[in-house]
Amino acid sequence: MAHGNEFQNNPIHAASVSKRMLQGAGIALILITVFLLSAGEPDPNWPKLWIIRPLVVVPLAGALGGVLYYNLDHLRSEGSWRKTLAHILSLIGYVIVLWLGVVLGLHGTMWD
């Protein structure tokens, strides 16, 4: 006896939240590293290990952007214009979160 109304277990999320967090943090780490390496000589008035703060805070913000991307997967699974909307919202949200992370990471040193 076959049932015509069976549910299929299609996962909404293409990847786990930890994978999305690592992707977001990795992108942020690469961007802040390139920025810091191209910035030149630091001001001697800054603390000795000032570079550690942006190298920790910015990837944490990038991981938060990865969580945002993960949480918008339900829109991506619906297709059509909602998929495009989810990609645009994810990109805008990631850029905003990353910008805030850069501001927090560089506050007191390069962001004065």
C-alpha atoms as a PDB file:
ATOM      1  CA  MET A   1       0.000   0.000   0.000  1.00  0.00           C
ATOM      2  CA  ALA A   2       1.587   3.239  -1.159  1.00  0.00           C
ATOM      3  CA  HIS A   3       0.769   6.564   0.389  1.00  0.00           C
ATOM      4  CA  GLY A   4       0.435   9.457  -2.005  1.00  0.00           C
ATOM      5  CA  ASN A   5       1.016  12.103   0.615  1.00  0.00           C
ATOM      6  CA  GLU A   6       4.495  11.313   1.854  1.00  0.00           C
ATOM      7  CA  PHE A   7       6.876  14.009   2.954  1.00  0.00           C
ATOM      8  CA  GLN A   8      10.327  14.219   1.477  1.00  0.00           C
ATOM      9  CA  ASN A   9      13.247  15.131   3.668  1.00  0.00           C
ATOM     10  CA  ASN A  10      14.860  17.829   1.595  1.00  0.00           C
ATOM     11  CA  PRO A  11      17.306  19.768   3.714  1.00  0.00           C
ATOM     12  CA  ILE A  12      16.924  23.531   3.595  1.00  0.00           C
ATOM     13  CA  HIS A  13      20.537  24.232   4.454  1.00  0.00           C
ATOM     14  CA  ALA A  14      23.108  23.253   1.844  1.00  0.00           C
ATOM     15  CA  ALA A  15      25.931  23.375   4.413  1.00  0.00           C
ATOM     16  CA  SER A  16      26.255  23.407   8.189  1.00  0.00           C
ATOM     17  CA  VAL A  17      26.376  26.630  10.162  1.00  0.00           C
ATOM     18  CA  SER A  18      29.978  25.960  11.194  1.00  0.00           C
ATOM     19  CA  LYS A  19      31.023  25.681   7.546  1.00  0.00           C
ATOM     20  CA  ARG A  20      29.351  29.012   6.735  1.00  0.00           C
ATOM     21  CA  MET A  21      30.993  30.605   9.791  1.00  0.00           C
ATOM     22  CA  LEU A  22      34.427  29.351   8.723  1.00  0.00           C
ATOM     23  CA  GLN A  23      33.888  30.645   5.200  1.00  0.00           C
ATOM     24  CA  GLY A  24      32.850  34.077   6.470  1.00  0.00           C
ATOM     25  CA  ALA A  25      35.719  34.233   8.956  1.00  0.00           C
ATOM     26  CA  GLY A  26      38.230  33.096   6.326  1.00  0.00           C
ATOM     27  CA  ILE A  27      37.189  35.800   3.870  1.00  0.00           C
ATOM     28  CA  ALA A  28      37.361  38.419   6.626  1.00  0.00           C
ATOM     29  CA  LEU A  29      40.778  37.215   7.785  1.00  0.00           C
ATOM     30  CA  ILE A  30      42.186  37.420   4.270  1.00  0.00           C
ATOM     31  CA  LEU A  31      40.777  40.925   3.740  1.00  0.00           C
ATOM     32  CA  ILE A  32      42.056  42.348   7.047  1.00  0.00           C
ATOM     33  CA  THR A  33      45.468  40.707   6.582  1.00  0.00           C
ATOM     34  CA  VAL A  34      45.875  42.240   3.124  1.00  0.00           C
ATOM     35  CA  PHE A  35      44.767  45.604   4.502  1.00  0.00           C
ATOM     36  CA  LEU A  36      47.166  45.477   7.460  1.00  0.00           C
ATOM     37  CA  LEU A  37      50.121  44.345   5.351  1.00  0.00           C
ATOM     38  CA  SER A  38      49.579  47.147   2.850  1.00  0.00           C
ATOM     39  CA  ALA A  39      49.131  49.840   5.525  1.00  0.00           C
ATOM     40  CA  GLY A  40      52.813  50.546   6.119  1.00  0.00           C
ATOM     41  CA  GLU A  41      54.573  51.343   9.379  1.00  0.00           C
ATOM     42  CA  PRO A  42      52.449  51.672  12.529  1.00  0.00           C
ATOM     43  CA  ASP A  43      52.494  54.703  14.782  1.00  0.00           C
ATOM     44  CA  PRO A  44      54.995  54.223  17.635  1.00  0.00           C
ATOM     45  CA  ASN A  45      52.374  55.483  20.130  1.00  0.00           C
ATOM     46  CA  TRP A  46      50.164  52.428  19.531  1.00  0.00           C
ATOM     47  CA  PRO A  47      50.430  49.439  21.868  1.00  0.00           C
ATOM     48  CA  LYS A  48      53.095  46.875  20.991  1.00  0.00           C
ATOM     49  CA  LEU A  49      50.703  44.081  19.978  1.00  0.00           C
ATOM     50  CA  TRP A  50      48.024  46.288  18.406  1.00  0.00           C
ATOM     51  CA  ILE A  51      47.742  44.049  15.333  1.00  0.00           C
ATOM     52  CA  ILE A  52      46.231  41.138  17.307  1.00  0.00           C
ATOM     53  CA  ARG A  53      42.959  42.953  17.966  1.00  0.00           C
ATOM     54  CA  PRO A  54      41.909  43.413  14.303  1.00  0.00           C
ATOM     55  CA  LEU A  55      43.109  39.895  13.453  1.00  0.00           C
ATOM     56  CA  VAL A  56      40.683  38.513  16.064  1.00  0.00           C
ATOM     57  CA  VAL A  57      37.717  40.898  15.897  1.00  0.00           C
ATOM     58  CA  VAL A  58      37.319  41.072  12.109  1.00  0.00           C
ATOM     59  CA  PRO A  59      37.159  37.279  11.560  1.00  0.00           C
ATOM     60  CA  LEU A  60      34.606  37.060  14.389  1.00  0.00           C
ATOM     61  CA  ALA A  61      32.502  39.610  12.541  1.00  0.00           C
ATOM     62  CA  GLY A  62      32.971  37.614   9.345  1.00  0.00           C
ATOM     63  CA  ALA A  63      31.741  34.502  11.144  1.00  0.00           C
ATOM     64  CA  LEU A  64      28.647  36.435  12.188  1.00  0.00           C
ATOM     65  CA  GLY A  65      28.125  37.322   8.521  1.00  0.00           C
ATOM     66  CA  GLY A  66      28.368  33.609   7.738  1.00  0.00           C
ATOM     67  CA  VAL A  67      25.600  32.935  10.252  1.00  0.00           C
ATOM     68  CA  LEU A  68      23.476  35.552   8.508  1.00  0.00           C
ATOM     69  CA  TYR A  69      24.070  33.803   5.180  1.00  0.00           C
ATOM     70  CA  TYR A  70      23.108  30.480   6.762  1.00  0.00           C
ATOM     71  CA  ASN A  71      19.900  31.902   8.215  1.00  0.00           C
ATOM     72  CA  LEU A  72      18.761  33.157   4.811  1.00  0.00           C
ATOM     73  CA  ASP A  73      18.976  29.675   3.253  1.00  0.00           C
ATOM     74  CA  HIS A  74      15.224  29.198   3.661  1.00  0.00           C
ATOM     75  CA  LEU A  75      14.672  32.020   1.144  1.00  0.00           C
ATOM     76  CA  ARG A  76      17.184  30.507  -1.270  1.00  0.00           C
ATOM     77  CA  SER A  77      15.340  27.182  -1.254  1.00  0.00           C
ATOM     78  CA  GLU A  78      12.102  28.815  -2.417  1.00  0.00           C
ATOM     79  CA  GLY A  79      13.653  29.827  -5.743  1.00  0.00           C
ATOM     80  CA  SER A  80      12.734  32.576  -8.210  1.00  0.00           C
ATOM     81  CA  TRP A  81      13.052  36.187  -7.031  1.00  0.00           C
ATOM     82  CA  ARG A  82      13.390  35.142  -3.392  1.00  0.00           C
ATOM     83  CA  LYS A  83      16.689  33.432  -4.161  1.00  0.00           C
ATOM     84  CA  THR A  84      18.013  36.657  -5.677  1.00  0.00           C
ATOM     85  CA  LEU A  85      16.696  38.630  -2.704  1.00  0.00           C
ATOM     86  CA  ALA A  86      18.413  36.254  -0.289  1.00  0.00           C
ATOM     87  CA  HIS A  87      21.753  36.646  -2.095  1.00  0.00           C
ATOM     88  CA  ILE A  88      21.457  40.436  -2.112  1.00  0.00           C
ATOM     89  CA  LEU A  89      20.473  40.584   1.581  1.00  0.00           C
ATOM     90  CA  SER A  90      23.300  38.196   2.468  1.00  0.00           C
ATOM     91  CA  LEU A  91      25.869  40.293   0.611  1.00  0.00           C
ATOM     92  CA  ILE A  92      24.654  43.592   2.065  1.00  0.00           C
ATOM     93  CA  GLY A  93      24.467  42.116   5.567  1.00  0.00           C
ATOM     94  CA  TYR A  94      27.938  40.584   5.286  1.00  0.00           C
ATOM     95  CA  VAL A  95      29.455  43.873   4.109  1.00  0.00           C
ATOM     96  CA  ILE A  96      27.792  45.795   6.952  1.00  0.00           C
ATOM     97  CA  VAL A  97      28.869  43.284   9.605  1.00  0.00           C
ATOM     98  CA  LEU A  98      32.386  43.171   8.175  1.00  0.00           C
ATOM     99  CA  TRP A  99      32.617  46.976   8.115  1.00  0.00           C
ATOM    100  CA  LEU A 100      31.517  47.156  11.759  1.00  0.00           C
ATOM    101  CA  GLY A 101      34.103  44.495  12.618  1.00  0.00           C
ATOM    102  CA  VAL A 102      36.836  46.494  10.906  1.00  0.00           C
ATOM    103  CA  VAL A 103      35.799  49.633  12.805  1.00  0.00           C
ATOM    104  CA  LEU A 104      35.838  47.759  16.125  1.00  0.00           C
ATOM    105  CA  GLY A 105      39.102  46.008  15.316  1.00  0.00           C
ATOM    106  CA  LEU A 106      40.960  49.112  14.245  1.00  0.00           C
ATOM    107  CA  HIS A 107      39.479  51.512  16.807  1.00  0.00           C
ATOM    108  CA  GLY A 108      42.245  53.300  18.664  1.00  0.00           C
ATOM    109  CA  THR A 109      44.897  52.596  16.048  1.00  0.00           C
ATOM    110  CA  MET A 110      44.264  53.030  12.339  1.00  0.00           C
ATOM    111  CA  TRP A 111      40.653  54.143  12.739  1.00  0.00           C
ATOM    112  CA  ASP A 112      41.348  57.411  14.597  1.00  0.00           C
END
